[in-house]
Amino acid sequence: MAEEYKVLHKPVMRKFLIRLKPGKFAFLSYSIKNAKLYIESVYTHPDFRGRRIARRLVLAALDFAKEKSLRVVPVCSYAVSFFKKTRNL
């Protein structure tokens, strides 16, 4: 059974976070300029990779961008790869 991780949005920090265990987080960092949300970095602790956690963070950022009518610009390698693999989103 897949573990459920809650995505937290921290707008002041410009991050989406998932608490993996006490003191360990996965995160997506972004910036907003000229009606565009730039996904600057996505990180998951190595012990938690392969569980689609980074994907959940990107999907949360996409939902936020849609809600705010922002275009999304992938900057980091994970985000670029994500968009190449999922062009239909």
Protein backbone atom coordinates (compact mmCIF):
# COMPACT_ATOMS: atom_id res chain seq x y z
CA MET A 1 0.00 0.00 0.00
CA ALA A 2 1.33 3.44 -0.93
CA GLU A 3 2.03 5.85 1.89
CA GLU A 4 0.00 9.03 1.99
CA TYR A 5 1.95 12.23 2.33
CA LYS A 6 0.27 15.56 2.94
CA VAL A 7 1.50 18.46 0.82
CA LEU A 8 1.89 21.70 2.75
CA HIS A 9 2.08 25.04 0.96
CA LYS A 10 4.30 27.67 2.59
CA PRO A 11 3.81 30.79 0.41
CA VAL A 12 6.11 33.00 2.51
CA MET A 13 8.91 30.47 1.95
CA ARG A 14 7.82 29.93 -1.68
CA LYS A 15 7.80 26.17 -1.09
CA PHE A 16 5.58 23.13 -1.14
CA LEU A 17 6.65 20.63 1.53
CA ILE A 18 5.96 17.03 2.46
CA ARG A 19 7.03 15.87 5.92
CA LEU A 20 8.68 12.49 5.47
CA LYS A 21 9.58 11.86 9.11
CA PRO A 22 10.54 14.16 11.98
CA GLY A 23 13.08 16.62 10.66
CA LYS A 24 13.01 15.25 7.08
CA PHE A 25 11.12 16.96 4.28
CA ALA A 26 10.74 16.77 0.53
CA PHE A 27 10.23 20.15 -1.08
CA LEU A 28 9.58 22.12 -4.22
CA SER A 29 10.88 25.70 -4.37
CA TYR A 30 9.38 28.24 -6.72
CA SER A 31 9.33 31.90 -7.64
CA ILE A 32 6.64 33.98 -9.32
CA LYS A 33 7.45 36.67 -11.87
CA ASN A 34 5.36 38.20 -14.64
CA ALA A 35 2.40 35.82 -14.14
CA LYS A 36 4.69 32.78 -14.32
CA LEU A 37 5.49 30.23 -11.64
CA TYR A 38 9.08 29.04 -12.01
CA ILE A 39 9.76 25.60 -10.50
CA GLU A 40 13.33 26.14 -9.36
CA SER A 41 14.09 22.96 -7.42
CA VAL A 42 12.48 19.72 -6.34
CA TYR A 43 14.15 17.59 -3.68
CA THR A 44 13.31 14.31 -1.98
CA HIS A 45 15.61 12.76 0.61
CA PRO A 46 17.39 9.74 -0.96
CA ASP A 47 15.79 7.33 1.53
CA PHE A 48 12.34 8.29 0.20
CA ARG A 49 12.95 8.43 -3.55
CA GLY A 50 10.98 6.22 -5.92
CA ARG A 51 7.68 6.78 -4.07
CA ARG A 52 6.30 9.48 -6.41
CA ILE A 53 6.74 12.12 -3.71
CA ALA A 54 8.37 14.64 -6.07
CA ARG A 55 5.49 14.10 -8.51
CA ARG A 56 2.98 14.98 -5.77
CA LEU A 57 4.86 18.22 -5.11
CA VAL A 58 4.82 19.18 -8.79
CA LEU A 59 1.11 18.37 -9.08
CA ALA A 60 0.40 20.58 -6.05
CA ALA A 61 2.36 23.41 -7.68
CA LEU A 62 0.38 22.92 -10.90
CA ASP A 63 -2.91 23.12 -8.99
CA PHE A 64 -1.74 26.32 -7.31
CA ALA A 65 -0.63 27.81 -10.63
CA LYS A 66 -3.98 26.97 -12.23
CA GLU A 67 -5.87 28.50 -9.29
CA LYS A 68 -3.82 31.72 -9.63
CA SER A 69 -3.85 31.74 -13.48
CA LEU A 70 -0.07 31.42 -13.67
CA ARG A 71 1.90 29.80 -16.47
CA VAL A 72 4.37 27.19 -15.23
CA VAL A 73 8.03 27.29 -16.24
CA PRO A 74 10.10 24.24 -15.29
CA VAL A 75 13.67 25.25 -14.40
CA CYS A 76 15.20 22.35 -12.44
CA SER A 77 16.04 19.06 -14.13
CA TYR A 78 13.28 17.12 -12.33
CA ALA A 79 10.58 19.57 -13.42
CA VAL A 80 11.85 19.61 -17.02
CA SER A 81 11.82 15.80 -17.08
CA PHE A 82 8.35 15.71 -15.50
CA PHE A 83 6.92 17.95 -18.22
CA LYS A 84 8.58 15.98 -21.01
CA LYS A 85 7.00 12.77 -19.66
CA THR A 86 3.54 14.26 -18.97
CA ARG A 87 2.81 16.65 -21.80
CA ASN A 88 -0.96 16.18 -21.43
CA LEU A 89 -1.19 17.98 -18.06
